[in-house]
Amino acid sequence: MNSAAVSAVIVPLTAEHAERVLAIYQVGIDEGNATFETSAPTWETFAASKPAGHRFAALDEDGAVLGWVAATRVSDRCAYAGVVEHSVYVDPAARGRGVASALLKALIDSTERAGIWTIQSGIFPENTASLAVHRRAGFRVIGRRERIGRHHGVWRDVLLVERRSPAIT
């Protein structure tokens, strides 16, 4: 793990970033501890499921994508209007240098401006790096879904994490 800080700019995630975003997503999928998904979606499917207002890319000084974060509404029911579920992925070469933290900060800022009171996600317990970065960003583990799904033939647990906005009352 490289401890050098990354010089990154956080920008809205657009189709311009699609190829690298989906490649980084596929790396996370292939590593086996990020998601139940087995392949990255098309850009069209990705973009349709993750509204533009709450998705960001981290770029290096040359404009290369280092990572991304995106959120989607959890329900169309009005009671859940202030709840989103998110994903954050970082290129392996940029991990450990603050990219995920910067992306989570951008997401938190955008959701608070939009009146969103809860950001949630499910994280495999084995993904200790993701759990640590989420904890530092103010997320807490609120439960464990045991044997919630099969992943490559093995039952997996998922830890539910959430961040409740102190700004939204």
Protein backbone atom coordinates (compact mmCIF):
# COMPACT_ATOMS: atom_id res chain seq x y z
CA MET A 1 0.00 0.00 0.00
CA ASN A 2 1.43 3.35 -1.05
CA SER A 3 1.04 5.96 1.69
CA ALA A 4 1.83 8.93 -0.56
CA ALA A 5 -1.09 11.31 -0.81
CA VAL A 6 -2.77 11.44 -4.17
CA SER A 7 -3.21 14.73 -5.92
CA ALA A 8 -6.70 14.28 -7.30
CA VAL A 9 -9.48 16.52 -8.47
CA ILE A 10 -13.06 15.39 -7.91
CA VAL A 11 -15.39 16.04 -10.85
CA PRO A 12 -18.89 14.98 -11.85
CA LEU A 13 -18.75 11.50 -13.37
CA THR A 14 -19.84 11.63 -17.02
CA ALA A 15 -19.79 9.46 -20.13
CA GLU A 16 -16.32 10.85 -20.81
CA HIS A 17 -15.09 8.69 -17.91
CA ALA A 18 -17.08 5.59 -18.81
CA GLU A 19 -14.32 3.33 -20.11
CA ARG A 20 -12.05 3.74 -17.06
CA VAL A 21 -14.95 3.74 -14.58
CA LEU A 22 -16.23 0.43 -15.91
CA ALA A 23 -12.69 -1.00 -16.03
CA ILE A 24 -12.10 -0.06 -12.37
CA TYR A 25 -15.49 -1.56 -11.51
CA GLN A 26 -14.52 -4.80 -13.27
CA VAL A 27 -11.25 -4.99 -11.32
CA GLY A 28 -13.23 -4.68 -8.08
CA ILE A 29 -15.60 -7.40 -9.27
CA ASP A 30 -12.71 -9.68 -10.25
CA GLU A 31 -11.00 -9.25 -6.86
CA GLY A 32 -14.04 -10.91 -5.29
CA ASN A 33 -14.72 -8.80 -2.18
CA ALA A 34 -16.56 -5.78 -3.54
CA THR A 35 -19.89 -6.95 -4.94
CA PHE A 36 -22.09 -9.88 -5.86
CA GLU A 37 -21.96 -8.69 -9.48
CA THR A 38 -19.97 -10.83 -11.90
CA SER A 39 -19.44 -8.31 -14.67
CA ALA A 40 -19.57 -4.56 -15.07
CA PRO A 41 -22.68 -3.25 -16.82
CA THR A 42 -22.75 -1.25 -20.00
CA TRP A 43 -22.32 2.49 -19.58
CA GLU A 44 -25.96 2.99 -20.50
CA THR A 45 -27.13 0.66 -17.73
CA PHE A 46 -24.70 2.19 -15.24
CA ALA A 47 -25.70 5.77 -16.04
CA ALA A 48 -29.43 4.98 -15.95
CA SER A 49 -29.19 3.46 -12.47
CA LYS A 50 -26.98 6.15 -10.91
CA PRO A 51 -28.36 9.69 -11.28
CA ALA A 52 -25.83 12.32 -12.34
CA GLY A 53 -26.27 14.49 -9.24
CA HIS A 54 -24.54 12.03 -6.94
CA ARG A 55 -21.76 10.45 -8.95
CA PHE A 56 -18.17 11.62 -9.06
CA ALA A 57 -14.79 10.64 -10.50
CA ALA A 58 -11.36 11.29 -9.00
CA LEU A 59 -8.86 12.35 -11.67
CA ASP A 60 -5.09 12.63 -11.48
CA GLU A 61 -3.14 15.60 -12.86
CA ASP A 62 -3.27 14.07 -16.35
CA GLY A 63 -7.05 13.55 -16.25
CA ALA A 64 -6.85 9.77 -15.72
CA VAL A 65 -9.64 8.27 -13.59
CA LEU A 66 -8.34 7.02 -10.23
CA GLY A 67 -11.72 6.02 -8.82
CA TRP A 68 -15.42 6.75 -8.67
CA VAL A 69 -18.39 6.97 -6.34
CA ALA A 70 -22.08 6.86 -7.27
CA ALA A 71 -25.39 6.66 -5.46
CA THR A 72 -28.88 5.61 -6.35
CA ARG A 73 -32.21 6.00 -4.62
CA VAL A 74 -33.21 2.98 -2.58
CA SER A 75 -36.93 3.36 -3.26
CA ASP A 76 -39.49 5.46 -5.09
CA ARG A 77 -41.61 5.57 -1.92
CA CYS A 78 -41.75 9.09 -0.47
CA ALA A 79 -40.73 7.86 2.99
CA TYR A 80 -37.32 6.97 1.53
CA ALA A 81 -36.80 10.17 -0.47
CA GLY A 82 -33.76 11.01 1.66
CA VAL A 83 -32.03 7.63 1.44
CA VAL A 84 -29.48 6.54 -1.15
CA GLU A 85 -27.27 3.50 -1.57
CA HIS A 86 -23.75 4.04 -2.85
CA SER A 87 -20.70 2.31 -4.28
CA VAL A 88 -17.10 3.51 -4.28
CA TYR A 89 -14.28 1.92 -6.27
CA VAL A 90 -10.61 2.90 -6.58
CA ASP A 91 -8.01 1.76 -9.09
CA PRO A 92 -5.63 -0.63 -7.29
CA ALA A 93 -2.64 1.59 -8.15
CA ALA A 94 -4.27 4.53 -6.36
CA ARG A 95 -5.46 2.75 -3.21
CA GLY A 96 -4.28 3.82 0.21
CA ARG A 97 -3.72 7.42 -0.86
CA GLY A 98 -6.97 9.14 0.07
CA VAL A 99 -8.91 8.72 -3.17
CA ALA A 100 -11.86 6.89 -1.60
CA SER A 101 -11.99 9.42 1.24
CA ALA A 102 -12.09 12.33 -1.20
CA LEU A 103 -14.82 10.62 -3.23
CA LEU A 104 -16.91 9.89 -0.13
CA LYS A 105 -16.55 13.53 0.97
CA ALA A 106 -17.85 14.70 -2.42
CA LEU A 107 -20.79 12.31 -2.14
CA ILE A 108 -21.59 13.40 1.41
CA ASP A 109 -21.44 17.07 0.39
CA SER A 110 -23.73 16.53 -2.62
CA THR A 111 -26.27 14.47 -0.70
CA GLU A 112 -26.44 16.93 2.18
CA ARG A 113 -27.03 19.80 -0.27
CA ALA A 114 -29.87 17.71 -1.72
CA GLY A 115 -31.50 17.04 1.67
CA ILE A 116 -30.52 13.36 1.75
CA TRP A 117 -30.35 12.15 5.34
CA THR A 118 -28.97 8.61 4.92
CA ILE A 119 -26.27 7.11 2.73
CA GLN A 120 -26.10 3.33 3.01
CA SER A 121 -24.28 0.40 1.49
CA GLY A 122 -23.56 -3.29 1.94
CA ILE A 123 -19.93 -4.33 2.36
CA PHE A 124 -18.48 -7.82 2.56
CA PRO A 125 -16.90 -8.27 6.04
CA GLU A 126 -13.66 -9.36 4.38
CA ASN A 127 -13.34 -5.93 2.71
CA THR A 128 -11.57 -4.40 5.71
CA ALA A 129 -10.11 -1.49 3.73
CA SER A 130 -13.58 -0.38 2.61
CA LEU A 131 -14.96 -0.73 6.12
CA ALA A 132 -12.10 1.41 7.49
CA VAL A 133 -12.51 4.21 4.95
CA HIS A 134 -16.26 4.26 5.54
CA ARG A 135 -15.75 4.39 9.31
CA ARG A 136 -13.42 7.38 8.88
CA ALA A 137 -16.10 9.09 6.73
CA GLY A 138 -18.68 8.76 9.51
CA PHE A 139 -20.40 5.52 8.51
CA ARG A 140 -21.29 2.89 11.09
CA VAL A 141 -22.11 -0.78 10.83
CA ILE A 142 -25.78 -1.21 11.67
CA GLY A 143 -26.18 -4.92 11.03
CA ARG A 144 -25.08 -8.09 9.35
CA ARG A 145 -27.06 -9.96 6.74
CA GLU A 146 -25.90 -13.54 7.15
CA ARG A 147 -25.63 -15.78 4.11
CA ILE A 148 -27.57 -13.21 2.09
CA GLY A 149 -26.31 -14.42 -1.26
CA ARG A 150 -24.13 -16.93 -3.04
CA HIS A 151 -20.98 -15.58 -4.64
CA HIS A 152 -19.00 -17.98 -6.82
CA GLY A 153 -20.76 -20.86 -5.10
CA VAL A 154 -20.09 -19.64 -1.55
CA TRP A 155 -22.62 -18.11 0.84
CA ARG A 156 -21.54 -14.57 1.78
CA ASP A 157 -22.47 -12.21 4.59
CA VAL A 158 -22.87 -8.48 4.05
CA LEU A 159 -22.39 -5.76 6.65
CA LEU A 160 -24.90 -2.93 6.36
CA VAL A 161 -23.31 0.48 6.82
CA GLU A 162 -24.95 3.87 6.96
CA ARG A 163 -24.12 7.49 7.49
CA ARG A 164 -26.86 9.64 8.94
CA SER A 165 -26.44 13.31 8.13
CA PRO A 166 -26.07 15.52 11.19
CA ALA A 167 -27.05 18.46 8.96
CA ILE A 168 -30.50 17.09 8.06
CA THR A 169 -32.92 17.11 10.97
